[in-house]
All heavy atoms as atom14 arrays in JSON, in Angstrom:
{
  "sequence": "GKTAKLAVGNTLPIGQLPEGSVISNIEEKPGDRGSLARASGNYA",
  "atom14_mask": [
    [1, 1, 1, 1, 0, 0, 0, 0, 0, 0, 0, 0, 0, 0],
    [1, 1, 1, 1, 1, 1, 1, 1, 1, 0, 0, 0, 0, 0],
    [1, 1, 1, 1, 1, 1, 1, 0, 0, 0, 0, 0, 0, 0],
    [1, 1, 1, 1, 1, 0, 0, 0, 0, 0, 0, 0, 0, 0],
    [1, 1, 1, 1, 1, 1, 1, 1, 1, 0, 0, 0, 0, 0],
    [1, 1, 1, 1, 1, 1, 1, 1, 0, 0, 0, 0, 0, 0],
    [1, 1, 1, 1, 1, 0, 0, 0, 0, 0, 0, 0, 0, 0],
    [1, 1, 1, 1, 1, 1, 1, 0, 0, 0, 0, 0, 0, 0],
    [1, 1, 1, 1, 0, 0, 0, 0, 0, 0, 0, 0, 0, 0],
    [1, 1, 1, 1, 1, 1, 1, 1, 0, 0, 0, 0, 0, 0],
    [1, 1, 1, 1, 1, 1, 1, 0, 0, 0, 0, 0, 0, 0],
    [1, 1, 1, 1, 1, 1, 1, 1, 0, 0, 0, 0, 0, 0],
    [1, 1, 1, 1, 1, 1, 1, 0, 0, 0, 0, 0, 0, 0],
    [1, 1, 1, 1, 1, 1, 1, 1, 0, 0, 0, 0, 0, 0],
    [1, 1, 1, 1, 0, 0, 0, 0, 0, 0, 0, 0, 0, 0],
    [1, 1, 1, 1, 1, 1, 1, 1, 1, 0, 0, 0, 0, 0],
    [1, 1, 1, 1, 1, 1, 1, 1, 0, 0, 0, 0, 0, 0],
    [1, 1, 1, 1, 1, 1, 1, 0, 0, 0, 0, 0, 0, 0],
    [1, 1, 1, 1, 1, 1, 1, 1, 1, 0, 0, 0, 0, 0],
    [1, 1, 1, 1, 0, 0, 0, 0, 0, 0, 0, 0, 0, 0],
    [1, 1, 1, 1, 1, 1, 0, 0, 0, 0, 0, 0, 0, 0],
    [1, 1, 1, 1, 1, 1, 1, 0, 0, 0, 0, 0, 0, 0],
    [1, 1, 1, 1, 1, 1, 1, 1, 0, 0, 0, 0, 0, 0],
    [1, 1, 1, 1, 1, 1, 0, 0, 0, 0, 0, 0, 0, 0],
    [1, 1, 1, 1, 1, 1, 1, 1, 0, 0, 0, 0, 0, 0],
    [1, 1, 1, 1, 1, 1, 1, 1, 0, 0, 0, 0, 0, 0],
    [1, 1, 1, 1, 1, 1, 1, 1, 1, 0, 0, 0, 0, 0],
    [1, 1, 1, 1, 1, 1, 1, 1, 1, 0, 0, 0, 0, 0],
    [1, 1, 1, 1, 1, 1, 1, 1, 1, 0, 0, 0, 0, 0],
    [1, 1, 1, 1, 1, 1, 1, 0, 0, 0, 0, 0, 0, 0],
    [1, 1, 1, 1, 0, 0, 0, 0, 0, 0, 0, 0, 0, 0],
    [1, 1, 1, 1, 1, 1, 1, 1, 0, 0, 0, 0, 0, 0],
    [1, 1, 1, 1, 1, 1, 1, 1, 1, 1, 1, 0, 0, 0],
    [1, 1, 1, 1, 0, 0, 0, 0, 0, 0, 0, 0, 0, 0],
    [1, 1, 1, 1, 1, 1, 0, 0, 0, 0, 0, 0, 0, 0],
    [1, 1, 1, 1, 1, 1, 1, 1, 0, 0, 0, 0, 0, 0],
    [1, 1, 1, 1, 1, 0, 0, 0, 0, 0, 0, 0, 0, 0],
    [1, 1, 1, 1, 1, 1, 1, 1, 1, 1, 1, 0, 0, 0],
    [1, 1, 1, 1, 1, 0, 0, 0, 0, 0, 0, 0, 0, 0],
    [1, 1, 1, 1, 1, 1, 0, 0, 0, 0, 0, 0, 0, 0],
    [1, 1, 1, 1, 0, 0, 0, 0, 0, 0, 0, 0, 0, 0],
    [1, 1, 1, 1, 1, 1, 1, 1, 0, 0, 0, 0, 0, 0],
    [1, 1, 1, 1, 1, 1, 1, 1, 1, 1, 1, 1, 0, 0],
    [1, 1, 1, 1, 1, 0, 0, 0, 0, 0, 0, 0, 0, 0]
  ],
  "atom14_positions": [
    [[0.81, -1.21, 0.0], [0.0, 0.0, 0.0], [0.83, 1.25, 0.0], [2.07, 1.23, 0.16], [0.0, 0.0, 0.0], [0.0, 0.0, 0.0], [0.0, 0.0, 0.0], [0.0, 0.0, 0.0], [0.0, 0.0, 0.0], [0.0, 0.0, 0.0], [0.0, 0.0, 0.0], [0.0, 0.0, 0.0], [0.0, 0.0, 0.0], [0.0, 0.0, 0.0]],
    [[0.15, 2.37, -0.14], [0.79, 3.68, -0.27], [1.58, 4.08, 0.97], [2.64, 4.69, 0.88], [-0.31, 4.72, -0.55], [0.18, 6.12, -0.85], [-1.0, 7.04, -1.09], [-0.54, 8.47, -1.33], [-1.69, 9.36, -1.52], [0.0, 0.0, 0.0], [0.0, 0.0, 0.0], [0.0, 0.0, 0.0], [0.0, 0.0, 0.0], [0.0, 0.0, 0.0]],
    [[1.08, 3.7, 2.16], [1.73, 4.12, 3.4], [2.6, 3.03, 4.01], [3.02, 3.14, 5.17], [0.69, 4.58, 4.43], [-0.22, 3.5, 4.69], [-0.1, 5.78, 3.92], [0.0, 0.0, 0.0], [0.0, 0.0, 0.0], [0.0, 0.0, 0.0], [0.0, 0.0, 0.0], [0.0, 0.0, 0.0], [0.0, 0.0, 0.0], [0.0, 0.0, 0.0]],
    [[2.87, 1.95, 3.25], [3.73, 0.88, 3.76], [5.16, 1.4, 3.93], [5.59, 2.33, 3.24], [3.72, -0.31, 2.81], [0.0, 0.0, 0.0], [0.0, 0.0, 0.0], [0.0, 0.0, 0.0], [0.0, 0.0, 0.0], [0.0, 0.0, 0.0], [0.0, 0.0, 0.0], [0.0, 0.0, 0.0], [0.0, 0.0, 0.0], [0.0, 0.0, 0.0]],
    [[5.9, 0.77, 4.86], [7.28, 1.2, 5.12], [8.22, 0.68, 4.04], [7.93, -0.3, 3.35], [7.74, 0.67, 6.48], [7.19, 1.47, 7.65], [8.02, 1.24, 8.91], [8.08, -0.22, 9.3], [8.75, -0.43, 10.6], [0.0, 0.0, 0.0], [0.0, 0.0, 0.0], [0.0, 0.0, 0.0], [0.0, 0.0, 0.0], [0.0, 0.0, 0.0]],
    [[9.37, 1.34, 3.92], [10.4, 0.91, 2.97], [11.18, -0.24, 3.6], [12.16, -0.04, 4.3], [11.32, 2.09, 2.64], [12.41, 1.82, 1.6], [11.8, 1.58, 0.24], [13.39, 2.99, 1.54], [0.0, 0.0, 0.0], [0.0, 0.0, 0.0], [0.0, 0.0, 0.0], [0.0, 0.0, 0.0], [0.0, 0.0, 0.0], [0.0, 0.0, 0.0]],
    [[10.68, -1.48, 3.38], [11.34, -2.66, 3.93], [11.24, -3.78, 2.9], [10.3, -3.83, 2.11], [10.66, -3.08, 5.24], [0.0, 0.0, 0.0], [0.0, 0.0, 0.0], [0.0, 0.0, 0.0], [0.0, 0.0, 0.0], [0.0, 0.0, 0.0], [0.0, 0.0, 0.0], [0.0, 0.0, 0.0], [0.0, 0.0, 0.0], [0.0, 0.0, 0.0]],
    [[12.22, -4.68, 2.93], [12.29, -5.76, 1.94], [11.02, -6.61, 1.99], [10.59, -7.05, 3.07], [13.54, -6.64, 2.18], [13.5, -7.89, 1.32], [14.8, -5.84, 1.87], [0.0, 0.0, 0.0], [0.0, 0.0, 0.0], [0.0, 0.0, 0.0], [0.0, 0.0, 0.0], [0.0, 0.0, 0.0], [0.0, 0.0, 0.0], [0.0, 0.0, 0.0]],
    [[10.42, -6.81, 0.83], [9.19, -7.61, 0.72], [7.94, -6.78, 0.66], [6.88, -7.29, 0.26], [0.0, 0.0, 0.0], [0.0, 0.0, 0.0], [0.0, 0.0, 0.0], [0.0, 0.0, 0.0], [0.0, 0.0, 0.0], [0.0, 0.0, 0.0], [0.0, 0.0, 0.0], [0.0, 0.0, 0.0], [0.0, 0.0, 0.0], [0.0, 0.0, 0.0]],
    [[8.01, -5.5, 1.05], [6.83, -4.65, 1.0], [6.6, -4.11, -0.41], [7.56, -3.92, -1.17], [6.96, -3.47, 1.97], [6.87, -3.91, 3.42], [6.64, -5.08, 3.7], [7.03, -2.98, 4.33], [0.0, 0.0, 0.0], [0.0, 0.0, 0.0], [0.0, 0.0, 0.0], [0.0, 0.0, 0.0], [0.0, 0.0, 0.0], [0.0, 0.0, 0.0]],
    [[5.35, -3.89, -0.75], [4.97, -3.39, -2.08], [4.35, -2.01, -1.93], [3.41, -1.85, -1.16], [3.97, -4.35, -2.74], [4.56, -5.66, -2.83], [3.58, -3.88, -4.12], [0.0, 0.0, 0.0], [0.0, 0.0, 0.0], [0.0, 0.0, 0.0], [0.0, 0.0, 0.0], [0.0, 0.0, 0.0], [0.0, 0.0, 0.0], [0.0, 0.0, 0.0]],
    [[4.89, -1.04, -2.66], [4.34, 0.31, -2.6], [4.57, 1.04, -3.92], [5.38, 0.59, -4.74], [4.9, 1.1, -1.42], [6.39, 1.21, -1.14], [6.63, 2.39, -0.2], [6.94, -0.04, -0.47], [0.0, 0.0, 0.0], [0.0, 0.0, 0.0], [0.0, 0.0, 0.0], [0.0, 0.0, 0.0], [0.0, 0.0, 0.0], [0.0, 0.0, 0.0]],
    [[3.84, 2.14, -4.15], [4.02, 2.88, -5.41], [5.45, 3.4, -5.53], [6.03, 3.88, -4.55], [3.02, 4.04, -5.3], [2.03, 3.61, -4.27], [2.77, 2.73, -3.32], [0.0, 0.0, 0.0], [0.0, 0.0, 0.0], [0.0, 0.0, 0.0], [0.0, 0.0, 0.0], [0.0, 0.0, 0.0], [0.0, 0.0, 0.0], [0.0, 0.0, 0.0]],
    [[6.01, 3.33, -6.74], [7.42, 3.72, -6.91], [7.61, 5.22, -6.69], [8.72, 5.66, -6.42], [7.98, 3.28, -8.28], [7.14, 3.82, -9.43], [8.09, 1.78, -8.36], [7.71, 3.53, -10.8], [0.0, 0.0, 0.0], [0.0, 0.0, 0.0], [0.0, 0.0, 0.0], [0.0, 0.0, 0.0], [0.0, 0.0, 0.0], [0.0, 0.0, 0.0]],
    [[6.54, 5.99, -6.76], [6.63, 7.42, -6.48], [6.93, 7.72, -5.02], [7.37, 8.82, -4.68], [0.0, 0.0, 0.0], [0.0, 0.0, 0.0], [0.0, 0.0, 0.0], [0.0, 0.0, 0.0], [0.0, 0.0, 0.0], [0.0, 0.0, 0.0], [0.0, 0.0, 0.0], [0.0, 0.0, 0.0], [0.0, 0.0, 0.0], [0.0, 0.0, 0.0]],
    [[6.7, 6.73, -4.12], [6.96, 6.91, -2.68], [8.39, 6.53, -2.3], [8.79, 6.69, -1.15], [6.0, 6.02, -1.86], [4.53, 6.24, -2.16], [4.04, 7.57, -1.64], [4.45, 8.03, -0.59], [3.15, 8.21, -2.39], [0.0, 0.0, 0.0], [0.0, 0.0, 0.0], [0.0, 0.0, 0.0], [0.0, 0.0, 0.0], [0.0, 0.0, 0.0]],
    [[9.15, 6.01, -3.26], [10.49, 5.47, -2.95], [11.57, 6.51, -3.18], [11.52, 7.27, -4.15], [10.78, 4.24, -3.81], [9.81, 3.07, -3.66], [10.05, 2.05, -4.74], [9.96, 2.42, -2.29], [0.0, 0.0, 0.0], [0.0, 0.0, 0.0], [0.0, 0.0, 0.0], [0.0, 0.0, 0.0], [0.0, 0.0, 0.0], [0.0, 0.0, 0.0]],
    [[12.58, 6.56, -2.31], [13.69, 7.5, -2.53], [14.59, 7.02, -3.67], [14.58, 5.83, -4.03], [14.44, 7.48, -1.2], [14.11, 6.16, -0.59], [12.73, 5.8, -1.06], [0.0, 0.0, 0.0], [0.0, 0.0, 0.0], [0.0, 0.0, 0.0], [0.0, 0.0, 0.0], [0.0, 0.0, 0.0], [0.0, 0.0, 0.0], [0.0, 0.0, 0.0]],
    [[15.38, 7.93, -4.21], [16.31, 7.58, -5.28], [17.34, 6.58, -4.74], [17.79, 6.69, -3.61], [17.02, 8.83, -5.8], [16.11, 9.74, -6.6], [16.82, 10.99, -7.11], [18.06, 10.95, -7.2], [16.14, 11.97, -7.38], [0.0, 0.0, 0.0], [0.0, 0.0, 0.0], [0.0, 0.0, 0.0], [0.0, 0.0, 0.0], [0.0, 0.0, 0.0]],
    [[17.69, 5.6, -5.59], [18.64, 4.57, -5.18], [17.98, 3.33, -4.62], [18.67, 2.35, -4.32], [0.0, 0.0, 0.0], [0.0, 0.0, 0.0], [0.0, 0.0, 0.0], [0.0, 0.0, 0.0], [0.0, 0.0, 0.0], [0.0, 0.0, 0.0], [0.0, 0.0, 0.0], [0.0, 0.0, 0.0], [0.0, 0.0, 0.0], [0.0, 0.0, 0.0]],
    [[16.65, 3.35, -4.47], [15.94, 2.17, -3.93], [16.02, 1.01, -4.92], [15.89, 1.19, -6.13], [14.47, 2.5, -3.67], [14.35, 3.55, -2.76], [0.0, 0.0, 0.0], [0.0, 0.0, 0.0], [0.0, 0.0, 0.0], [0.0, 0.0, 0.0], [0.0, 0.0, 0.0], [0.0, 0.0, 0.0], [0.0, 0.0, 0.0], [0.0, 0.0, 0.0]],
    [[16.23, -0.19, -4.39], [16.28, -1.41, -5.2], [14.89, -2.04, -5.16], [14.35, -2.32, -4.09], [17.35, -2.38, -4.65], [17.22, -3.75, -5.27], [18.73, -1.81, -4.89], [0.0, 0.0, 0.0], [0.0, 0.0, 0.0], [0.0, 0.0, 0.0], [0.0, 0.0, 0.0], [0.0, 0.0, 0.0], [0.0, 0.0, 0.0], [0.0, 0.0, 0.0]],
    [[14.3, -2.24, -6.34], [12.93, -2.77, -6.42], [12.85, -3.86, -7.49], [13.73, -3.97, -8.34], [11.88, -1.66, -6.73], [12.35, -0.79, -7.91], [11.62, -0.81, -5.52], [11.33, 0.23, -8.37], [0.0, 0.0, 0.0], [0.0, 0.0, 0.0], [0.0, 0.0, 0.0], [0.0, 0.0, 0.0], [0.0, 0.0, 0.0], [0.0, 0.0, 0.0]],
    [[11.79, -4.64, -7.42], [11.57, -5.71, -8.4], [10.07, -5.87, -8.64], [9.26, -5.28, -7.94], [12.18, -7.03, -7.89], [11.62, -7.37, -6.65], [0.0, 0.0, 0.0], [0.0, 0.0, 0.0], [0.0, 0.0, 0.0], [0.0, 0.0, 0.0], [0.0, 0.0, 0.0], [0.0, 0.0, 0.0], [0.0, 0.0, 0.0], [0.0, 0.0, 0.0]],
    [[9.74, -6.69, -9.62], [8.34, -6.96, -10.01], [7.54, -5.65, -10.11], [6.55, -5.45, -9.41], [7.69, -7.93, -9.01], [6.41, -8.53, -9.57], [6.14, -8.47, -10.77], [5.6, -9.11, -8.7], [0.0, 0.0, 0.0], [0.0, 0.0, 0.0], [0.0, 0.0, 0.0], [0.0, 0.0, 0.0], [0.0, 0.0, 0.0], [0.0, 0.0, 0.0]],
    [[7.99, -4.78, -10.99], [7.4, -3.44, -11.12], [6.32, -3.45, -12.18], [6.43, -4.14, -13.2], [8.5, -2.42, -11.53], [9.73, -2.59, -10.64], [8.01, -1.0, -11.48], [10.99, -2.16, -11.3], [0.0, 0.0, 0.0], [0.0, 0.0, 0.0], [0.0, 0.0, 0.0], [0.0, 0.0, 0.0], [0.0, 0.0, 0.0], [0.0, 0.0, 0.0]],
    [[5.3, -2.66, -11.94], [4.24, -2.5, -12.93], [4.71, -1.56, -14.04], [5.33, -0.54, -13.77], [2.98, -1.91, -12.28], [2.31, -2.84, -11.29], [1.07, -2.23, -10.67], [1.04, -1.01, -10.43], [0.13, -3.0, -10.4], [0.0, 0.0, 0.0], [0.0, 0.0, 0.0], [0.0, 0.0, 0.0], [0.0, 0.0, 0.0], [0.0, 0.0, 0.0]],
    [[4.39, -1.9, -15.27], [4.7, -1.02, -16.4], [3.6, 0.03, -16.55], [3.85, 1.16, -16.91], [4.84, -1.84, -17.68], [5.55, -1.11, -18.78], [5.98, -2.03, -19.92], [5.68, -3.24, -19.88], [6.6, -1.52, -20.85], [0.0, 0.0, 0.0], [0.0, 0.0, 0.0], [0.0, 0.0, 0.0], [0.0, 0.0, 0.0], [0.0, 0.0, 0.0]],
    [[2.36, -0.4, -16.28], [1.22, 0.5, -16.26], [0.5, 0.29, -14.93], [0.41, -0.86, -14.48], [0.26, 0.21, -17.42], [0.87, 0.44, -18.8], [-0.13, 0.12, -19.88], [0.46, 0.37, -21.26], [1.57, -0.55, -21.58], [0.0, 0.0, 0.0], [0.0, 0.0, 0.0], [0.0, 0.0, 0.0], [0.0, 0.0, 0.0], [0.0, 0.0, 0.0]],
    [[-0.02, 1.34, -14.31], [-0.66, 1.16, -13.0], [-1.77, 0.11, -13.05], [-2.66, 0.19, -13.91], [-1.23, 2.55, -12.69], [-0.38, 3.49, -13.49], [-0.01, 2.75, -14.74], [0.0, 0.0, 0.0], [0.0, 0.0, 0.0], [0.0, 0.0, 0.0], [0.0, 0.0, 0.0], [0.0, 0.0, 0.0], [0.0, 0.0, 0.0], [0.0, 0.0, 0.0]],
    [[-1.67, -0.89, -12.17], [-2.71, -1.92, -12.1], [-2.44, -3.16, -12.92], [-3.25, -4.09, -12.89], [0.0, 0.0, 0.0], [0.0, 0.0, 0.0], [0.0, 0.0, 0.0], [0.0, 0.0, 0.0], [0.0, 0.0, 0.0], [0.0, 0.0, 0.0], [0.0, 0.0, 0.0], [0.0, 0.0, 0.0], [0.0, 0.0, 0.0], [0.0, 0.0, 0.0]],
    [[-1.29, -3.24, -13.64], [-1.04, -4.47, -14.42], [-0.45, -5.61, -13.58], [-0.21, -6.7, -14.07], [-0.2, -4.19, -15.66], [1.28, -3.91, -15.38], [1.72, -4.1, -14.24], [1.98, -3.49, -16.32], [0.0, 0.0, 0.0], [0.0, 0.0, 0.0], [0.0, 0.0, 0.0], [0.0, 0.0, 0.0], [0.0, 0.0, 0.0], [0.0, 0.0, 0.0]],
    [[-0.18, -5.34, -12.29], [0.21, -6.34, -11.29], [1.62, -6.91, -11.47], [1.93, -8.0, -11.02], [-0.84, -7.46, -11.22], [-2.22, -6.93, -10.89], [-3.29, -8.0, -10.86], [-3.14, -8.89, -9.74], [-3.94, -9.95, -9.52], [-4.94, -10.2, -10.34], [-3.73, -10.73, -8.49], [0.0, 0.0, 0.0], [0.0, 0.0, 0.0], [0.0, 0.0, 0.0]],
    [[2.48, -6.15, -12.13], [3.91, -6.51, -12.16], [4.35, -7.12, -13.47], [3.83, -8.15, -13.87], [0.0, 0.0, 0.0], [0.0, 0.0, 0.0], [0.0, 0.0, 0.0], [0.0, 0.0, 0.0], [0.0, 0.0, 0.0], [0.0, 0.0, 0.0], [0.0, 0.0, 0.0], [0.0, 0.0, 0.0], [0.0, 0.0, 0.0], [0.0, 0.0, 0.0]],
    [[5.31, -6.45, -14.15], [5.79, -6.99, -15.41], [7.28, -6.76, -15.67], [7.82, -7.31, -16.61], [4.98, -6.41, -16.58], [5.1, -5.01, -16.61], [0.0, 0.0, 0.0], [0.0, 0.0, 0.0], [0.0, 0.0, 0.0], [0.0, 0.0, 0.0], [0.0, 0.0, 0.0], [0.0, 0.0, 0.0], [0.0, 0.0, 0.0], [0.0, 0.0, 0.0]],
    [[7.96, -5.96, -14.84], [9.39, -5.67, -15.07], [10.24, -6.18, -13.91], [9.8, -6.18, -12.76], [9.6, -4.15, -15.2], [8.79, -3.41, -16.27], [8.97, -1.91, -16.11], [9.23, -3.83, -17.66], [0.0, 0.0, 0.0], [0.0, 0.0, 0.0], [0.0, 0.0, 0.0], [0.0, 0.0, 0.0], [0.0, 0.0, 0.0], [0.0, 0.0, 0.0]],
    [[11.47, -6.62, -14.22], [12.45, -7.1, -13.22], [11.85, -8.23, -12.38], [11.66, -8.1, -11.18], [12.93, -5.95, -12.33], [0.0, 0.0, 0.0], [0.0, 0.0, 0.0], [0.0, 0.0, 0.0], [0.0, 0.0, 0.0], [0.0, 0.0, 0.0], [0.0, 0.0, 0.0], [0.0, 0.0, 0.0], [0.0, 0.0, 0.0], [0.0, 0.0, 0.0]],
    [[11.55, -9.35, -13.03], [10.89, -10.48, -12.36], [11.75, -11.75, -12.35], [11.4, -12.71, -11.66], [9.57, -10.8, -13.07], [8.49, -9.75, -12.88], [7.4, -9.9, -13.92], [6.81, -11.22, -13.94], [5.71, -11.58, -13.28], [5.06, -10.69, -12.55], [5.24, -12.8, -13.37], [0.0, 0.0, 0.0], [0.0, 0.0, 0.0], [0.0, 0.0, 0.0]],
    [[12.84, -11.79, -13.11], [13.66, -13.01, -13.17], [14.55, -13.12, -11.94], [14.83, -12.12, -11.27], [14.5, -13.01, -14.44], [0.0, 0.0, 0.0], [0.0, 0.0, 0.0], [0.0, 0.0, 0.0], [0.0, 0.0, 0.0], [0.0, 0.0, 0.0], [0.0, 0.0, 0.0], [0.0, 0.0, 0.0], [0.0, 0.0, 0.0], [0.0, 0.0, 0.0]],
    [[15.03, -14.33, -11.66], [15.81, -14.56, -10.43], [17.06, -13.68, -10.41], [17.8, -13.58, -11.39], [16.21, -16.03, -10.33], [16.92, -16.43, -11.48], [0.0, 0.0, 0.0], [0.0, 0.0, 0.0], [0.0, 0.0, 0.0], [0.0, 0.0, 0.0], [0.0, 0.0, 0.0], [0.0, 0.0, 0.0], [0.0, 0.0, 0.0], [0.0, 0.0, 0.0]],
    [[17.27, -13.0, -9.27], [18.44, -12.15, -9.08], [18.33, -10.78, -9.71], [19.24, -9.97, -9.6], [0.0, 0.0, 0.0], [0.0, 0.0, 0.0], [0.0, 0.0, 0.0], [0.0, 0.0, 0.0], [0.0, 0.0, 0.0], [0.0, 0.0, 0.0], [0.0, 0.0, 0.0], [0.0, 0.0, 0.0], [0.0, 0.0, 0.0], [0.0, 0.0, 0.0]],
    [[17.2, -10.49, -10.37], [17.07, -9.2, -11.05], [16.52, -8.12, -10.13], [15.83, -8.42, -9.16], [16.13, -9.33, -12.26], [16.88, -9.72, -13.52], [18.06, -10.01, -13.47], [16.2, -9.75, -14.63], [0.0, 0.0, 0.0], [0.0, 0.0, 0.0], [0.0, 0.0, 0.0], [0.0, 0.0, 0.0], [0.0, 0.0, 0.0], [0.0, 0.0, 0.0]],
    [[16.84, -6.9, -10.46], [16.28, -5.76, -9.72], [16.39, -4.52, -10.6], [17.21, -4.45, -11.52], [17.0, -5.54, -8.39], [18.46, -5.2, -8.51], [18.88, -3.88, -8.62], [19.42, -6.21, -8.53], [20.22, -3.56, -8.73], [20.77, -5.9, -8.65], [21.16, -4.58, -8.75], [22.49, -4.28, -8.88], [0.0, 0.0, 0.0], [0.0, 0.0, 0.0]],
    [[15.57, -3.54, -10.31], [15.66, -2.23, -10.95], [15.99, -1.21, -9.87], [15.76, -1.47, -8.68], [14.35, -1.89, -11.64], [0.0, 0.0, 0.0], [0.0, 0.0, 0.0], [0.0, 0.0, 0.0], [0.0, 0.0, 0.0], [0.0, 0.0, 0.0], [0.0, 0.0, 0.0], [0.0, 0.0, 0.0], [0.0, 0.0, 0.0], [0.0, 0.0, 0.0]]
  ]
}
């Protein structure tokens, strides 16, 4: 959710994240439920 803390495993909008944050399983369009950086060991 929008007010979730910045901790490993939590899911939140990328607009809430500071620069340099490591993220995975990112949505390409809002609501598509994850389409980028999904392979093992990958991150954006």
